Amino acid sequence: MDMITKSVIISDFKGFPGRGIFKLQNGEIWEQDGHKYQYFYIYRPTVIIEHNGSKGIMTVNGHECKVKKIS
């Protein structure tokens, strides 16, 4: 991965629901890319996204999920 984005999810985070959409404080919107389901709750967590263009891996509190940028 070539780039790293660090931001905050602007709402409650309830894990990876399988088709989640994640709106970040920096204005970017990322969508879950795959069907991983994992529930855990965090209020406005910091996220790190390692990406190459519009595809990447989002890490939230040590949990990872594939994502793609939609805006």
Protein backbone atom coordinates (compact mmCIF):
# COMPACT_ATOMS: atom_id res chain seq x y z
CA MET A 1 0.00 0.00 0.00
CA ASP A 2 1.29 3.43 -0.93
CA MET A 3 -0.74 5.89 1.14
CA ILE A 4 -2.05 6.16 4.70
CA THR A 5 -5.17 8.09 5.70
CA LYS A 6 -5.84 8.72 9.38
CA SER A 7 -9.19 10.22 10.41
CA VAL A 8 -12.22 9.73 12.67
CA ILE A 9 -15.56 8.10 11.84
CA ILE A 10 -18.14 10.87 12.39
CA SER A 11 -20.75 8.70 14.09
CA ASP A 12 -21.17 5.63 16.24
CA PHE A 13 -19.24 2.67 14.86
CA LYS A 14 -20.82 -0.75 15.21
CA GLY A 15 -18.16 -2.88 13.55
CA PHE A 16 -18.22 -4.30 10.06
CA PRO A 17 -21.81 -5.15 9.06
CA GLY A 18 -20.97 -6.75 5.71
CA ARG A 19 -21.80 -3.73 3.53
CA GLY A 20 -20.88 -0.81 5.77
CA ILE A 21 -20.39 2.77 4.65
CA PHE A 22 -18.00 4.84 6.75
CA LYS A 23 -18.07 8.65 6.68
CA LEU A 24 -14.86 10.22 7.93
CA GLN A 25 -14.21 13.58 9.54
CA ASN A 26 -11.85 14.51 6.68
CA GLY A 27 -14.80 14.31 4.21
CA GLU A 28 -13.93 10.96 2.66
CA ILE A 29 -16.47 8.14 2.42
CA TRP A 30 -15.34 4.52 2.33
CA GLU A 31 -17.42 1.40 1.75
CA GLN A 32 -16.76 -2.09 3.01
CA ASP A 33 -15.36 -4.21 0.17
CA GLY A 34 -16.29 -7.78 1.01
CA HIS A 35 -18.69 -9.54 3.29
CA LYS A 36 -16.83 -9.59 6.60
CA TYR A 37 -19.21 -9.39 9.57
CA GLN A 38 -17.81 -8.39 12.96
CA TYR A 39 -19.72 -6.48 15.64
CA PHE A 40 -18.08 -4.19 18.17
CA TYR A 41 -19.11 -0.72 19.32
CA ILE A 42 -16.92 2.39 19.54
CA TYR A 43 -18.04 6.03 19.58
CA ARG A 44 -16.28 8.11 16.89
CA PRO A 45 -13.19 5.90 16.60
CA THR A 46 -9.93 6.84 14.94
CA VAL A 47 -9.34 4.85 11.75
CA ILE A 48 -6.25 4.19 9.70
CA ILE A 49 -6.66 3.28 6.05
CA GLU A 50 -3.66 1.94 4.14
CA HIS A 51 -4.55 2.26 0.47
CA ASN A 52 -3.34 2.29 -3.09
CA GLY A 53 -5.80 4.50 -4.94
CA SER A 54 -9.40 3.66 -4.12
CA LYS A 55 -8.87 0.25 -2.46
CA GLY A 56 -7.36 -0.40 0.92
CA ILE A 57 -7.42 -1.90 4.39
CA MET A 58 -9.16 0.00 7.20
CA THR A 59 -8.03 -0.62 10.78
CA VAL A 60 -10.26 0.30 13.71
CA ASN A 61 -9.07 -0.55 17.22
CA GLY A 62 -6.93 -3.44 15.90
CA HIS A 63 -9.68 -4.88 13.65
CA GLU A 64 -9.14 -4.84 9.87
CA CYS A 65 -11.46 -4.82 6.89
CA LYS A 66 -11.08 -4.30 3.13
CA VAL A 67 -12.61 -1.04 1.93
CA LYS A 68 -13.03 1.01 -1.24
CA LYS A 69 -13.30 4.78 -1.51
CA ILE A 70 -16.61 6.06 -2.87
CA SER A 71 -16.15 9.80 -2.27
